[in-house]
Structures are given as C-alpha cells and as structure tokens.
C-alpha cells in the first residue's frame, strides 16, 4: 500500500482528500502545516506528498524546497485555491521548485486520483481496490 502524506491547514480538505485516497486503497497520513510535515518525514517513509501552498508556520513552497533538497525523487502534488497573488501564480512557482503536479482548488476526485496514480508506481494492491 502506498503511503501518502497530505498537508493542508483546512481540516475539511484534509479529511476529503484522505477519504478519497483511502477509498482507492492508498494509506494516508494528514497534517495541518509544513512544520508538522517535516517532523513526520524525519521518522516515516512516504511515497508521495500532497501539499497546500498557503498555510501557517511552514508554507507549501518552503516544504517543497526542503523536500526536494533532501529527497529530490519524492513526488509532490501542490494544491492551492489562491491567496494574495492567485492560485495559478503559486502553482507555477511550486512547479518551478520541483512539484511534480499541481491542482487548483477546487479539483474533483477524478483529477486527484489520476494525478496520484500517474506519480505512484502501480502495485498489485492498487488494482485490487477498484475504480470509482
């Protein structure tokens, strides 16, 4: 089962992403900011990170930079609904810094699943979970 770390300060977004991915056979852990994500990564192995960009403490851009410095092959999906600058600008910056994919909020479940499946290698347990 693929371990995915979800990082978003909005509890409803975290819950929804975790529920959708879990229903497709992915093992997920969720935290509410980049600082907690970095702590989690010190003691746990993940195969994919999904991170919001605008968050308190350590923002998604800082998290992407830190992850890419320590583990350049770890795929990251950046998500954002915008902020002072706007979602496209933040997501473009995330891509330039190493995010593998970006999704603009609100995105649909199919977009999320397609991005995750594209970035994670297929495993026998993934095909057994079925498609929704």
Protein backbone atom coordinates (compact mmCIF):
# COMPACT_ATOMS: atom_id res chain seq x y z
CA UNK A 1 0.00 0.00 0.00
CA UNK A 2 1.40 3.43 -0.95
CA UNK A 3 1.98 5.88 1.90
CA UNK A 4 0.82 9.41 1.07
CA UNK A 5 1.35 12.48 3.26
CA UNK A 6 -1.41 15.10 3.00
CA UNK A 7 -0.56 18.62 4.19
CA UNK A 8 -3.32 21.23 4.39
CA UNK A 9 -4.43 23.68 7.07
CA UNK A 10 -8.11 23.21 6.20
CA UNK A 11 -9.47 20.21 8.15
CA UNK A 12 -12.24 19.58 5.62
CA UNK A 13 -9.79 19.48 2.71
CA UNK A 14 -7.52 17.08 4.64
CA UNK A 15 -10.46 14.85 5.53
CA UNK A 16 -11.83 14.81 1.98
CA UNK A 17 -8.50 14.02 0.32
CA UNK A 18 -7.76 11.31 2.88
CA UNK A 19 -11.21 9.76 2.44
CA UNK A 20 -10.98 9.76 -1.36
CA UNK A 21 -7.48 8.27 -1.44
CA UNK A 22 -8.23 5.69 1.26
CA UNK A 23 -11.26 4.51 -0.71
CA UNK A 24 -8.87 3.80 -3.60
CA UNK A 25 -6.52 1.72 -1.46
CA UNK A 26 -3.93 4.32 -0.50
CA UNK A 27 -2.55 4.61 3.02
CA UNK A 28 -2.62 8.27 4.06
CA UNK A 29 -1.42 10.39 6.93
CA UNK A 30 -2.57 14.01 7.23
CA UNK A 31 -1.04 17.02 9.00
CA UNK A 32 -2.11 20.65 9.14
CA UNK A 33 1.08 22.52 8.20
CA UNK A 34 4.53 22.22 6.70
CA UNK A 35 6.29 22.14 10.08
CA UNK A 36 4.32 19.03 11.08
CA UNK A 37 5.02 17.51 7.66
CA UNK A 38 8.77 17.97 8.10
CA UNK A 39 8.58 16.37 11.55
CA UNK A 40 6.62 13.44 10.14
CA UNK A 41 9.13 12.96 7.32
CA UNK A 42 12.01 12.62 9.82
CA UNK A 43 10.65 9.30 11.11
CA UNK A 44 8.43 7.97 8.33
CA UNK A 45 8.80 6.95 4.72
CA UNK A 46 6.28 8.33 2.25
CA UNK A 47 5.96 7.77 -1.47
CA UNK A 48 4.04 10.96 -2.29
CA UNK A 49 3.27 14.33 -0.69
CA UNK A 50 0.16 16.37 -1.43
CA UNK A 51 0.59 19.86 -0.04
CA UNK A 52 -1.37 23.07 0.06
CA UNK A 53 0.68 26.16 -0.71
CA UNK A 54 -0.72 28.80 1.67
CA UNK A 55 -0.51 27.58 5.28
CA UNK A 56 0.60 28.90 8.68
CA UNK A 57 4.07 28.15 10.06
CA UNK A 58 5.88 26.48 7.14
CA UNK A 59 4.08 27.10 3.84
CA UNK A 60 3.90 24.62 0.99
CA UNK A 61 6.58 26.38 -1.05
CA UNK A 62 9.03 26.04 1.87
CA UNK A 63 8.04 22.39 2.28
CA UNK A 64 8.63 21.67 -1.41
CA UNK A 65 12.08 23.29 -1.25
CA UNK A 66 13.04 21.28 1.85
CA UNK A 67 11.74 18.00 0.41
CA UNK A 68 13.47 18.49 -2.93
CA UNK A 69 16.78 19.28 -1.19
CA UNK A 70 16.68 16.11 0.92
CA UNK A 71 14.82 13.73 -1.39
CA UNK A 72 14.70 15.05 -4.97
CA UNK A 73 12.91 11.98 -6.37
CA UNK A 74 9.95 12.19 -3.95
CA UNK A 75 6.90 13.27 -5.97
CA UNK A 76 4.90 16.24 -4.73
CA UNK A 77 1.44 17.39 -5.77
CA UNK A 78 0.91 21.08 -4.98
CA UNK A 79 -2.66 22.27 -4.39
CA UNK A 80 -3.90 25.82 -3.97
CA UNK A 81 -7.03 27.90 -4.10
CA UNK A 82 -5.04 31.10 -4.26
CA UNK A 83 -4.17 33.85 -1.88
CA UNK A 84 -2.83 37.35 -2.29
CA UNK A 85 -1.27 36.52 -5.66
CA UNK A 86 -3.63 33.87 -7.04
CA UNK A 87 -3.61 30.10 -7.45
CA UNK A 88 -2.02 29.97 -10.93
CA UNK A 89 0.99 32.01 -9.80
CA UNK A 90 1.51 29.92 -6.65
CA UNK A 91 1.13 26.65 -8.53
CA UNK A 92 3.52 27.82 -11.24
CA UNK A 93 6.08 28.68 -8.57
CA UNK A 94 5.57 25.25 -6.96
CA UNK A 95 6.20 23.56 -10.31
CA UNK A 96 9.36 25.58 -10.87
CA UNK A 97 10.62 24.49 -7.44
CA UNK A 98 10.04 20.80 -8.14
CA UNK A 99 6.38 19.92 -7.63
CA UNK A 100 5.53 17.03 -9.95
CA UNK A 101 1.91 18.10 -10.48
CA UNK A 102 -0.36 20.90 -9.39
CA UNK A 103 -4.09 21.04 -8.85
CA UNK A 104 -6.14 24.19 -8.46
CA UNK A 105 -8.78 24.07 -5.74
CA UNK A 106 -11.49 23.09 -6.06
CA UNK A 107 -10.46 20.00 -8.01
CA UNK A 108 -12.57 16.91 -8.49
CA UNK A 109 -11.85 13.45 -7.13
CA UNK A 110 -11.03 12.07 -10.57
CA UNK A 111 -8.31 14.70 -11.10
CA UNK A 112 -6.79 13.85 -7.74
CA UNK A 113 -6.83 10.07 -8.30
CA UNK A 114 -5.42 10.46 -11.83
CA UNK A 115 -2.52 12.60 -10.56
CA UNK A 116 -1.74 10.19 -7.71
CA UNK A 117 -1.84 7.14 -9.95
CA UNK A 118 0.38 8.85 -12.50
CA UNK A 119 3.03 9.61 -9.88
CA UNK A 120 2.99 6.35 -7.92
CA UNK A 121 4.14 3.12 -9.49
CA UNK A 122 1.35 0.58 -9.92
CA UNK A 123 1.28 -2.09 -7.25
CA UNK A 124 -0.78 -5.29 -7.10
CA UNK A 125 -2.77 -3.97 -4.12
CA UNK A 126 -3.70 -0.81 -6.07
CA UNK A 127 -5.51 -2.73 -8.78
CA UNK A 128 -7.43 -4.75 -6.20
CA UNK A 129 -9.02 -1.63 -4.73
CA UNK A 130 -11.16 -0.99 -7.79
CA UNK A 131 -12.07 2.23 -9.53
CA UNK A 132 -14.86 4.56 -8.51
